[in-house]
């Protein structure tokens, strides 16, 4: 680990950060980006595929921000892959993103 004798700085790798630690980094980056980019308008965007009983069986999760659509996860059951449902879900997400100004 690089460490400066004069600054005392060092880093830590963790998979269990505190909520405050994550908030500090995310808030600082958001403030930096707001000053230099489009308005910060992050909103969740999720499209779910449901069976006839209303149970979720697949979908896309993500968000819109800075006039962009970001997809975090996309999943369909194997038996539905190649059936056109994936393209339909992505098209629905893209259409909603366009309604949001993306």
PDB file of N, CA and C in Angstrom:
ATOM      1  N   UNK A   1       0.847  -1.171   0.000  1.00  0.00           N
ATOM      2  CA  UNK A   1       0.000   0.000   0.000  1.00  0.00           C
ATOM      3  C   UNK A   1       0.888   1.227   0.000  1.00  0.00           C
ATOM      4  N   UNK A   2       0.713   2.117  -1.005  1.00  0.00           N
ATOM      5  CA  UNK A   2       1.504   3.343  -0.981  1.00  0.00           C
ATOM      6  C   UNK A   2       1.099   4.192   0.216  1.00  0.00           C
ATOM      7  N   UNK A   3       2.084   4.745   0.845  1.00  0.00           N
ATOM      8  CA  UNK A   3       1.805   5.615   1.989  1.00  0.00           C
ATOM      9  C   UNK A   3       2.837   6.723   1.994  1.00  0.00           C
ATOM     10  N   UNK A   4       2.348   7.910   2.129  1.00  0.00           N
ATOM     11  CA  UNK A   4       3.241   9.051   2.173  1.00  0.00           C
ATOM     12  C   UNK A   4       3.625   9.324   3.618  1.00  0.00           C
ATOM     13  N   UNK A   5       4.910   9.399   3.861  1.00  0.00           N
ATOM     14  CA  UNK A   5       5.386   9.670   5.213  1.00  0.00           C
ATOM     15  C   UNK A   5       4.947  11.049   5.685  1.00  0.00           C
ATOM     16  N   UNK A   6       4.766  11.965   4.739  1.00  0.00           N
ATOM     17  CA  UNK A   6       4.395  13.325   5.142  1.00  0.00           C
ATOM     18  C   UNK A   6       2.887  13.510   5.260  1.00  0.00           C
ATOM     19  N   UNK A   7       2.090  12.800   4.469  1.00  0.00           N
ATOM     20  CA  UNK A   7       0.646  13.033   4.496  1.00  0.00           C
ATOM     21  C   UNK A   7      -0.089  12.068   5.415  1.00  0.00           C
ATOM     22  N   UNK A   8       0.463  10.885   5.622  1.00  0.00           N
ATOM     23  CA  UNK A   8      -0.222   9.890   6.439  1.00  0.00           C
ATOM     24  C   UNK A   8      -1.405   9.242   5.744  1.00  0.00           C
ATOM     25  N   UNK A   9      -1.583   9.501   4.437  1.00  0.00           N
ATOM     26  CA  UNK A   9      -2.694   8.917   3.701  1.00  0.00           C
ATOM     27  C   UNK A   9      -2.451   7.438   3.437  1.00  0.00           C
ATOM     28  N   UNK A  10      -3.524   6.670   3.404  1.00  0.00           N
ATOM     29  CA  UNK A  10      -3.476   5.273   2.988  1.00  0.00           C
ATOM     30  C   UNK A  10      -4.861   4.882   2.522  1.00  0.00           C
ATOM     31  N   UNK A  11      -5.026   3.672   2.017  1.00  0.00           N
ATOM     32  CA  UNK A  11      -6.344   3.238   1.580  1.00  0.00           C
ATOM     33  C   UNK A  11      -6.681   1.889   2.188  1.00  0.00           C
ATOM     34  N   UNK A  12      -7.977   1.603   2.146  1.00  0.00           N
ATOM     35  CA  UNK A  12      -8.491   0.346   2.669  1.00  0.00           C
ATOM     36  C   UNK A  12      -9.441  -0.241   1.634  1.00  0.00           C
ATOM     37  N   UNK A  13      -9.336  -1.522   1.393  1.00  0.00           N
ATOM     38  CA  UNK A  13     -10.256  -2.239   0.521  1.00  0.00           C
ATOM     39  C   UNK A  13     -11.236  -2.979   1.421  1.00  0.00           C
ATOM     40  N   UNK A  14     -12.541  -2.821   1.129  1.00  0.00           N
ATOM     41  CA  UNK A  14     -13.547  -3.480   1.957  1.00  0.00           C
ATOM     42  C   UNK A  14     -14.766  -3.858   1.128  1.00  0.00           C
ATOM     43  N   UNK A  15     -15.430  -4.899   1.541  1.00  0.00           N
ATOM     44  CA  UNK A  15     -16.714  -5.237   0.935  1.00  0.00           C
ATOM     45  C   UNK A  15     -17.853  -4.979   1.920  1.00  0.00           C
ATOM     46  N   UNK A  16     -17.526  -4.302   3.019  1.00  0.00           N
ATOM     47  CA  UNK A  16     -18.523  -3.952   4.029  1.00  0.00           C
ATOM     48  C   UNK A  16     -18.334  -2.506   4.485  1.00  0.00           C
ATOM     49  N   UNK A  17     -18.497  -1.556   3.550  1.00  0.00           N
ATOM     50  CA  UNK A  17     -18.332  -0.153   3.947  1.00  0.00           C
ATOM     51  C   UNK A  17     -19.518   0.297   4.783  1.00  0.00           C
ATOM     52  N   UNK A  18     -19.312   1.332   5.558  1.00  0.00           N
ATOM     53  CA  UNK A  18     -20.435   1.915   6.289  1.00  0.00           C
ATOM     54  C   UNK A  18     -21.258   2.750   5.308  1.00  0.00           C
ATOM     55  N   UNK A  19     -22.511   2.954   5.646  1.00  0.00           N
ATOM     56  CA  UNK A  19     -23.377   3.786   4.800  1.00  0.00           C
ATOM     57  C   UNK A  19     -22.824   5.200   4.701  1.00  0.00           C
ATOM     58  N   UNK A  20     -22.233   5.704   5.785  1.00  0.00           N
ATOM     59  CA  UNK A  20     -21.655   7.048   5.765  1.00  0.00           C
ATOM     60  C   UNK A  20     -20.476   7.148   4.806  1.00  0.00           C
ATOM     61  N   UNK A  21     -19.631   6.118   4.766  1.00  0.00           N
ATOM     62  CA  UNK A  21     -18.483   6.138   3.856  1.00  0.00           C
ATOM     63  C   UNK A  21     -18.944   6.187   2.400  1.00  0.00           C
ATOM     64  N   UNK A  22     -19.926   5.379   2.063  1.00  0.00           N
ATOM     65  CA  UNK A  22     -20.457   5.371   0.702  1.00  0.00           C
ATOM     66  C   UNK A  22     -21.098   6.716   0.386  1.00  0.00           C
ATOM     67  N   UNK A  23     -21.854   7.268   1.322  1.00  0.00           N
ATOM     68  CA  UNK A  23     -22.519   8.546   1.128  1.00  0.00           C
ATOM     69  C   UNK A  23     -21.507   9.659   0.858  1.00  0.00           C
ATOM     70  N   UNK A  24     -20.404   9.682   1.580  1.00  0.00           N
ATOM     71  CA  UNK A  24     -19.372  10.714   1.396  1.00  0.00           C
ATOM     72  C   UNK A  24     -18.861  10.709  -0.040  1.00  0.00           C
ATOM     73  N   UNK A  25     -18.520   9.537  -0.543  1.00  0.00           N
ATOM     74  CA  UNK A  25     -17.981   9.441  -1.905  1.00  0.00           C
ATOM     75  C   UNK A  25     -19.045   9.778  -2.943  1.00  0.00           C
ATOM     76  N   UNK A  26     -20.254   9.204  -2.800  1.00  0.00           N
ATOM     77  CA  UNK A  26     -21.306   9.444  -3.783  1.00  0.00           C
ATOM     78  C   UNK A  26     -21.745  10.898  -3.781  1.00  0.00           C
ATOM     79  N   UNK A  27     -21.885  11.508  -2.612  1.00  0.00           N
ATOM     80  CA  UNK A  27     -22.308  12.897  -2.530  1.00  0.00           C
ATOM     81  C   UNK A  27     -21.258  13.833  -3.134  1.00  0.00           C
ATOM     82  N   UNK A  28     -20.001  13.580  -2.851  1.00  0.00           N
ATOM     83  CA  UNK A  28     -18.936  14.425  -3.405  1.00  0.00           C
ATOM     84  C   UNK A  28     -18.885  14.317  -4.926  1.00  0.00           C
ATOM     85  N   UNK A  29     -19.022  13.103  -5.459  1.00  0.00           N
ATOM     86  CA  UNK A  29     -19.015  12.927  -6.914  1.00  0.00           C
ATOM     87  C   UNK A  29     -20.226  13.600  -7.537  1.00  0.00           C
ATOM     88  N   UNK A  30     -21.383  13.464  -6.918  1.00  0.00           N
ATOM     89  CA  UNK A  30     -22.590  14.104  -7.436  1.00  0.00           C
ATOM     90  C   UNK A  30     -22.415  15.614  -7.476  1.00  0.00           C
ATOM     91  N   UNK A  31     -21.913  16.202  -6.409  1.00  0.00           N
ATOM     92  CA  UNK A  31     -21.701  17.651  -6.372  1.00  0.00           C
ATOM     93  C   UNK A  31     -20.720  18.096  -7.456  1.00  0.00           C
ATOM     94  N   UNK A  32     -19.664  17.338  -7.651  1.00  0.00           N
ATOM     95  CA  UNK A  32     -18.681  17.646  -8.699  1.00  0.00           C
ATOM     96  C   UNK A  32     -19.347  17.603 -10.072  1.00  0.00           C
ATOM     97  N   UNK A  33     -20.104  16.537 -10.324  1.00  0.00           N
ATOM     98  CA  UNK A  33     -20.729  16.365 -11.636  1.00  0.00           C
ATOM     99  C   UNK A  33     -21.812  17.402 -11.906  1.00  0.00           C
ATOM    100  N   UNK A  34     -22.582  17.763 -10.905  1.00  0.00           N
ATOM    101  CA  UNK A  34     -23.639  18.757 -11.090  1.00  0.00           C
ATOM    102  C   UNK A  34     -23.054  20.083 -11.557  1.00  0.00           C
ATOM    103  N   UNK A  35     -21.882  20.425 -11.050  1.00  0.00           N
ATOM    104  CA  UNK A  35     -21.243  21.679 -11.451  1.00  0.00           C
ATOM    105  C   UNK A  35     -20.741  21.642 -12.895  1.00  0.00           C
ATOM    106  N   UNK A  36     -20.500  20.461 -13.425  1.00  0.00           N
ATOM    107  CA  UNK A  36     -19.847  20.348 -14.725  1.00  0.00           C
ATOM    108  C   UNK A  36     -20.662  19.614 -15.788  1.00  0.00           C
ATOM    109  N   UNK A  37     -21.797  19.076 -15.414  1.00  0.00           N
ATOM    110  CA  UNK A  37     -22.561  18.253 -16.355  1.00  0.00           C
ATOM    111  C   UNK A  37     -24.015  18.713 -16.388  1.00  0.00           C
ATOM    112  N   UNK A  38     -24.838  17.891 -16.971  1.00  0.00           N
ATOM    113  CA  UNK A  38     -26.274  18.158 -16.995  1.00  0.00           C
ATOM    114  C   UNK A  38     -26.836  18.041 -15.583  1.00  0.00           C
ATOM    115  N   UNK A  39     -28.060  18.512 -15.381  1.00  0.00           N
ATOM    116  CA  UNK A  39     -28.662  18.420 -14.045  1.00  0.00           C
ATOM    117  C   UNK A  39     -28.739  16.976 -13.543  1.00  0.00           C
ATOM    118  N   UNK A  40     -28.473  16.816 -12.279  1.00  0.00           N
ATOM    119  CA  UNK A  40     -28.562  15.509 -11.637  1.00  0.00           C
ATOM    120  C   UNK A  40     -30.037  15.210 -11.401  1.00  0.00           C
ATOM    121  N   UNK A  41     -30.536  14.182 -12.080  1.00  0.00           N
ATOM    122  CA  UNK A  41     -31.955  13.841 -11.966  1.00  0.00           C
ATOM    123  C   UNK A  41     -32.139  12.325 -11.927  1.00  0.00           C
ATOM    124  N   UNK A  42     -31.349  11.665 -11.135  1.00  0.00           N
ATOM    125  CA  UNK A  42     -31.353  10.202 -11.071  1.00  0.00           C
ATOM    126  C   UNK A  42     -32.707   9.694 -10.579  1.00  0.00           C
ATOM    127  N   UNK A  43     -33.289   8.796 -11.387  1.00  0.00           N
ATOM    128  CA  UNK A  43     -34.567   8.168 -11.055  1.00  0.00           C
ATOM    129  C   UNK A  43     -34.501   6.687 -11.409  1.00  0.00           C
ATOM    130  N   UNK A  44     -34.980   5.827 -10.537  1.00  0.00           N
ATOM    131  CA  UNK A  44     -35.019   4.402 -10.864  1.00  0.00           C
ATOM    132  C   UNK A  44     -35.915   4.153 -12.072  1.00  0.00           C
ATOM    133  N   UNK A  45     -35.573   3.159 -12.845  1.00  0.00           N
ATOM    134  CA  UNK A  45     -36.404   2.727 -13.967  1.00  0.00           C
ATOM    135  C   UNK A  45     -36.323   1.209 -14.031  1.00  0.00           C
ATOM    136  N   UNK A  46     -37.450   0.563 -13.837  1.00  0.00           N
ATOM    137  CA  UNK A  46     -37.508  -0.894 -13.834  1.00  0.00           C
ATOM    138  C   UNK A  46     -38.654  -1.338 -14.733  1.00  0.00           C
ATOM    139  N   UNK A  47     -38.401  -2.382 -15.517  1.00  0.00           N
ATOM    140  CA  UNK A  47     -39.432  -2.982 -16.360  1.00  0.00           C
ATOM    141  C   UNK A  47     -39.467  -4.463 -16.008  1.00  0.00           C
ATOM    142  N   UNK A  48     -40.628  -4.928 -15.552  1.00  0.00           N
ATOM    143  CA  UNK A  48     -40.739  -6.321 -15.122  1.00  0.00           C
ATOM    144  C   UNK A  48     -41.654  -7.103 -16.045  1.00  0.00           C
ATOM    145  N   UNK A  49     -41.275  -8.321 -16.344  1.00  0.00           N
ATOM    146  CA  UNK A  49     -42.114  -9.259 -17.085  1.00  0.00           C
ATOM    147  C   UNK A  49     -42.858 -10.089 -16.054  1.00  0.00           C
ATOM    148  N   UNK A  50     -44.175 -10.141 -16.188  1.00  0.00           N
ATOM    149  CA  UNK A  50     -44.994 -10.846 -15.200  1.00  0.00           C
ATOM    150  C   UNK A  50     -45.768 -11.988 -15.858  1.00  0.00           C
ATOM    151  N   UNK A  51     -45.974 -13.045 -15.090  1.00  0.00           N
ATOM    152  CA  UNK A  51     -46.775 -14.158 -15.570  1.00  0.00           C
ATOM    153  C   UNK A  51     -48.261 -13.809 -15.430  1.00  0.00           C
ATOM    154  N   UNK A  52     -49.172 -14.679 -15.905  1.00  0.00           N
ATOM    155  CA  UNK A  52     -50.605 -14.367 -15.838  1.00  0.00           C
ATOM    156  C   UNK A  52     -51.126 -14.110 -14.421  1.00  0.00           C
ATOM    157  N   UNK A  53     -50.431 -14.595 -13.405  1.00  0.00           N
ATOM    158  CA  UNK A  53     -50.836 -14.361 -12.020  1.00  0.00           C
ATOM    159  C   UNK A  53     -50.237 -13.082 -11.436  1.00  0.00           C
ATOM    160  N   UNK A  54     -49.429 -12.378 -12.214  1.00  0.00           N
ATOM    161  CA  UNK A  54     -48.823 -11.138 -11.749  1.00  0.00           C
ATOM    162  C   UNK A  54     -47.463 -11.301 -11.092  1.00  0.00           C
ATOM    163  N   UNK A  55     -46.957 -12.530 -11.042  1.00  0.00           N
ATOM    164  CA  UNK A  55     -45.641 -12.761 -10.438  1.00  0.00           C
ATOM    165  C   UNK A  55     -44.540 -12.306 -11.389  1.00  0.00           C
ATOM    166  N   UNK A  56     -43.532 -11.676 -10.851  1.00  0.00           N
ATOM    167  CA  UNK A  56     -42.391 -11.227 -11.648  1.00  0.00           C
ATOM    168  C   UNK A  56     -41.552 -12.431 -12.042  1.00  0.00           C
ATOM    169  N   UNK A  57     -41.284 -12.562 -13.345  1.00  0.00           N
ATOM    170  CA  UNK A  57     -40.480 -13.697 -13.825  1.00  0.00           C
ATOM    171  C   UNK A  57     -39.225 -13.244 -14.573  1.00  0.00           C
ATOM    172  N   UNK A  58     -39.054 -11.951 -14.743  1.00  0.00           N
ATOM    173  CA  UNK A  58     -37.873 -11.428 -15.414  1.00  0.00           C
ATOM    174  C   UNK A  58     -37.970  -9.922 -15.474  1.00  0.00           C
ATOM    175  N   UNK A  59     -36.954  -9.314 -16.072  1.00  0.00           N
ATOM    176  CA  UNK A  59     -37.031  -7.874 -16.228  1.00  0.00           C
ATOM    177  C   UNK A  59     -35.696  -7.187 -16.353  1.00  0.00           C
ATOM    178  N   UNK A  60     -35.785  -5.878 -16.360  1.00  0.00           N
ATOM    179  CA  UNK A  60     -34.611  -5.015 -16.450  1.00  0.00           C
ATOM    180  C   UNK A  60     -34.677  -4.018 -15.305  1.00  0.00           C
ATOM    181  N   UNK A  61     -33.544  -3.798 -14.644  1.00  0.00           N
ATOM    182  CA  UNK A  61     -33.464  -2.804 -13.583  1.00  0.00           C
ATOM    183  C   UNK A  61     -32.395  -1.787 -13.948  1.00  0.00           C
ATOM    184  N   UNK A  62     -32.645  -0.560 -13.584  1.00  0.00           N
ATOM    185  CA  UNK A  62     -31.673   0.474 -13.878  1.00  0.00           C
ATOM    186  C   UNK A  62     -32.166   1.822 -13.408  1.00  0.00           C
ATOM    187  N   UNK A  63     -31.710   2.859 -14.107  1.00  0.00           N
ATOM    188  CA  UNK A  63     -32.088   4.216 -13.742  1.00  0.00           C
ATOM    189  C   UNK A  63     -31.801   5.143 -14.911  1.00  0.00           C
ATOM    190  N   UNK A  64     -32.378   6.334 -14.833  1.00  0.00           N
ATOM    191  CA  UNK A  64     -32.029   7.397 -15.767  1.00  0.00           C
ATOM    192  C   UNK A  64     -31.319   8.484 -14.975  1.00  0.00           C
ATOM    193  N   UNK A  65     -30.388   9.149 -15.635  1.00  0.00           N
ATOM    194  CA  UNK A  65     -29.664  10.257 -15.023  1.00  0.00           C
ATOM    195  C   UNK A  65     -28.864  10.963 -16.108  1.00  0.00           C
ATOM    196  N   UNK A  66     -28.736  12.269 -15.974  1.00  0.00           N
ATOM    197  CA  UNK A  66     -27.968  13.084 -16.915  1.00  0.00           C
ATOM    198  C   UNK A  66     -28.378  12.816 -18.367  1.00  0.00           C
ATOM    199  N   UNK A  67     -29.677  12.585 -18.557  1.00  0.00           N
ATOM    200  CA  UNK A  67     -30.248  12.347 -19.880  1.00  0.00           C
ATOM    201  C   UNK A  67     -29.750  11.062 -20.526  1.00  0.00           C
ATOM    202  N   UNK A  68     -29.426  10.086 -19.706  1.00  0.00           N
ATOM    203  CA  UNK A  68     -28.992   8.769 -20.169  1.00  0.00           C
ATOM    204  C   UNK A  68     -29.794   7.688 -19.455  1.00  0.00           C
ATOM    205  N   UNK A  69     -29.934   6.534 -20.119  1.00  0.00           N
ATOM    206  CA  UNK A  69     -30.519   5.345 -19.518  1.00  0.00           C
ATOM    207  C   UNK A  69     -29.386   4.400 -19.149  1.00  0.00           C
ATOM    208  N   UNK A  70     -29.397   3.934 -17.910  1.00  0.00           N
ATOM    209  CA  UNK A  70     -28.407   2.973 -17.427  1.00  0.00           C
ATOM    210  C   UNK A  70     -29.140   1.697 -17.034  1.00  0.00           C
ATOM    211  N   UNK A  71     -28.769   0.579 -17.631  1.00  0.00           N
ATOM    212  CA  UNK A  71     -29.340  -0.717 -17.271  1.00  0.00           C
ATOM    213  C   UNK A  71     -28.327  -1.427 -16.383  1.00  0.00           C
ATOM    214  N   UNK A  72     -28.750  -1.760 -15.159  1.00  0.00           N
ATOM    215  CA  UNK A  72     -27.878  -2.481 -14.225  1.00  0.00           C
ATOM    216  C   UNK A  72     -27.971  -3.987 -14.438  1.00  0.00           C
ATOM    217  N   UNK A  73     -29.186  -4.493 -14.462  1.00  0.00           N
ATOM    218  CA  UNK A  73     -29.407  -5.935 -14.588  1.00  0.00           C
ATOM    219  C   UNK A  73     -30.509  -6.196 -15.608  1.00  0.00           C
ATOM    220  N   UNK A  74     -30.360  -7.290 -16.328  1.00  0.00           N
ATOM    221  CA  UNK A  74     -31.361  -7.693 -17.315  1.00  0.00           C
ATOM    222  C   UNK A  74     -31.406  -9.209 -17.301  1.00  0.00           C
ATOM    223  N   UNK A  75     -32.609  -9.763 -17.079  1.00  0.00           N
ATOM    224  CA  UNK A  75     -32.695 -11.209 -16.985  1.00  0.00           C
ATOM    225  C   UNK A  75     -34.049 -11.705 -17.467  1.00  0.00           C
ATOM    226  N   UNK A  76     -34.005 -12.820 -18.197  1.00  0.00           N
ATOM    227  CA  UNK A  76     -35.201 -13.542 -18.612  1.00  0.00           C
ATOM    228  C   UNK A  76     -34.991 -15.026 -18.346  1.00  0.00           C
ATOM    229  N   UNK A  77     -36.064 -15.755 -18.004  1.00  0.00           N
ATOM    230  CA  UNK A  77     -35.931 -17.203 -17.859  1.00  0.00           C
ATOM    231  C   UNK A  77     -35.468 -17.805 -19.191  1.00  0.00           C
ATOM    232  N   UNK A  78     -34.728 -18.854 -19.102  1.00  0.00           N
ATOM    233  CA  UNK A  78     -34.141 -19.463 -20.299  1.00  0.00           C
ATOM    234  C   UNK A  78     -35.176 -19.788 -21.373  1.00  0.00           C
ATOM    235  N   UNK A  79     -36.326 -20.285 -20.967  1.00  0.00           N
ATOM    236  CA  UNK A  79     -37.326 -20.704 -21.959  1.00  0.00           C
ATOM    237  C   UNK A  79     -37.934 -19.522 -22.728  1.00  0.00           C
ATOM    238  N   UNK A  80     -37.709 -18.293 -22.273  1.00  0.00           N
ATOM    239  CA  UNK A  80     -38.232 -17.114 -22.971  1.00  0.00           C
ATOM    240  C   UNK A  80     -37.175 -16.386 -23.800  1.00  0.00           C
ATOM    241  N   UNK A  81     -35.932 -16.789 -23.673  1.00  0.00           N
ATOM    242  CA  UNK A  81     -34.869 -16.137 -24.438  1.00  0.00           C
ATOM    243  C   UNK A  81     -35.031 -16.441 -25.921  1.00  0.00           C
ATOM    244  N   UNK A  82     -34.883 -15.415 -26.740  1.00  0.00           N
ATOM    245  CA  UNK A  82     -35.039 -15.575 -28.180  1.00  0.00           C
ATOM    246  C   UNK A  82     -36.479 -15.466 -28.643  1.00  0.00           C
ATOM    247  N   UNK A  83     -37.404 -15.197 -27.726  1.00  0.00           N
ATOM    248  CA  UNK A  83     -38.829 -15.132 -28.065  1.00  0.00           C
ATOM    249  C   UNK A  83     -39.296 -13.720 -28.402  1.00  0.00           C
ATOM    250  N   UNK A  84     -38.424 -12.730 -28.214  1.00  0.00           N
ATOM    251  CA  UNK A  84     -38.800 -11.347 -28.471  1.00  0.00           C
ATOM    252  C   UNK A  84     -39.133 -10.570 -27.208  1.00  0.00           C
ATOM    253  N   UNK A  85     -39.290 -11.259 -26.080  1.00  0.00           N
ATOM    254  CA  UNK A  85     -39.600 -10.565 -24.838  1.00  0.00           C
ATOM    255  C   UNK A  85     -38.453  -9.663 -24.387  1.00  0.00           C
ATOM    256  N   UNK A  86     -37.235 -10.096 -24.587  1.00  0.00           N
ATOM    257  CA  UNK A  86     -36.095  -9.266 -24.202  1.00  0.00           C
ATOM    258  C   UNK A  86     -36.080  -7.952 -24.962  1.00  0.00           C
ATOM    259  N   UNK A  87     -36.287  -8.035 -26.267  1.00  0.00           N
ATOM    260  CA  UNK A  87     -36.323  -6.820 -27.088  1.00  0.00           C
ATOM    261  C   UNK A  87     -37.475  -5.922 -26.666  1.00  0.00           C
ATOM    262  N   UNK A  88     -38.609  -6.521 -26.320  1.00  0.00           N
ATOM    263  CA  UNK A  88     -39.765  -5.733 -25.883  1.00  0.00           C
ATOM    264  C   UNK A  88     -39.492  -5.011 -24.564  1.00  0.00           C
ATOM    265  N   UNK A  89     -38.848  -5.694 -23.618  1.00  0.00           N
ATOM    266  CA  UNK A  89     -38.537  -5.070 -22.338  1.00  0.00           C
ATOM    267  C   UNK A  89     -37.563  -3.907 -22.526  1.00  0.00           C
ATOM    268  N   UNK A  90     -36.529  -4.122 -23.328  1.00  0.00           N
ATOM    269  CA  UNK A  90     -35.563  -3.047 -23.570  1.00  0.00           C
ATOM    270  C   UNK A  90     -36.199  -1.881 -24.309  1.00  0.00           C
ATOM    271  N   UNK A  91     -37.076  -2.173 -25.264  1.00  0.00           N
ATOM    272  CA  UNK A  91     -37.767  -1.101 -25.986  1.00  0.00           C
ATOM    273  C   UNK A  91     -38.646  -0.294 -25.032  1.00  0.00           C
ATOM    274  N   UNK A  92     -39.305  -0.971 -24.092  1.00  0.00           N
ATOM    275  CA  UNK A  92     -40.144  -0.265 -23.113  1.00  0.00           C
ATOM    276  C   UNK A  92     -39.283   0.629 -22.219  1.00  0.00           C
ATOM    277  N   UNK A  93     -38.130   0.125 -21.791  1.00  0.00           N
ATOM    278  CA  UNK A  93     -37.224   0.929 -20.966  1.00  0.00           C
ATOM    279  C   UNK A  93     -36.721   2.134 -21.750  1.00  0.00           C
ATOM    280  N   UNK A  94     -36.354   1.926 -23.003  1.00  0.00           N
ATOM    281  CA  UNK A  94     -35.874   3.030 -23.835  1.00  0.00           C
ATOM    282  C   UNK A  94     -36.956   4.066 -24.071  1.00  0.00           C
ATOM    283  N   UNK A  95     -38.196   3.630 -24.284  1.00  0.00           N
ATOM    284  CA  UNK A  95     -39.292   4.569 -24.496  1.00  0.00           C
ATOM    285  C   UNK A  95     -39.531   5.412 -23.250  1.00  0.00           C
ATOM    286  N   UNK A  96     -39.522   4.780 -22.086  1.00  0.00           N
ATOM    287  CA  UNK A  96     -39.690   5.542 -20.836  1.00  0.00           C
ATOM    288  C   UNK A  96     -38.529   6.523 -20.648  1.00  0.00           C
ATOM    289  N   UNK A  97     -37.325   6.089 -20.993  1.00  0.00           N
ATOM    290  CA  UNK A  97     -36.166   6.982 -20.886  1.00  0.00           C
ATOM    291  C   UNK A  97     -36.336   8.183 -21.798  1.00  0.00           C
ATOM    292  N   UNK A  98     -36.853   7.981 -22.998  1.00  0.00           N
ATOM    293  CA  UNK A  98     -37.097   9.109 -23.907  1.00  0.00           C
ATOM    294  C   UNK A  98     -38.148  10.056 -23.307  1.00  0.00           C
ATOM    295  N   UNK A  99     -39.193   9.496 -22.684  1.00  0.00           N
ATOM    296  CA  UNK A  99     -40.200  10.349 -22.021  1.00  0.00           C
ATOM    297  C   UNK A  99     -39.556  11.196 -20.925  1.00  0.00           C
ATOM    298  N   UNK A 100     -38.499  10.686 -20.339  1.00  0.00           N
ATOM    299  CA  UNK A 100     -37.791  11.415 -19.277  1.00  0.00           C
ATOM    300  C   UNK A 100     -36.751  12.378 -19.830  1.00  0.00           C
ATOM    301  N   UNK A 101     -36.641  12.455 -21.128  1.00  0.00           N
ATOM    302  CA  UNK A 101     -35.703  13.409 -21.737  1.00  0.00           C
ATOM    303  C   UNK A 101     -34.360  12.822 -22.113  1.00  0.00           C
ATOM    304  N   UNK A 102     -34.234  11.519 -22.060  1.00  0.00           N
ATOM    305  CA  UNK A 102     -32.958  10.878 -22.427  1.00  0.00           C
ATOM    306  C   UNK A 102     -32.846  10.744 -23.937  1.00  0.00           C
TER     307      UNK A 102
END
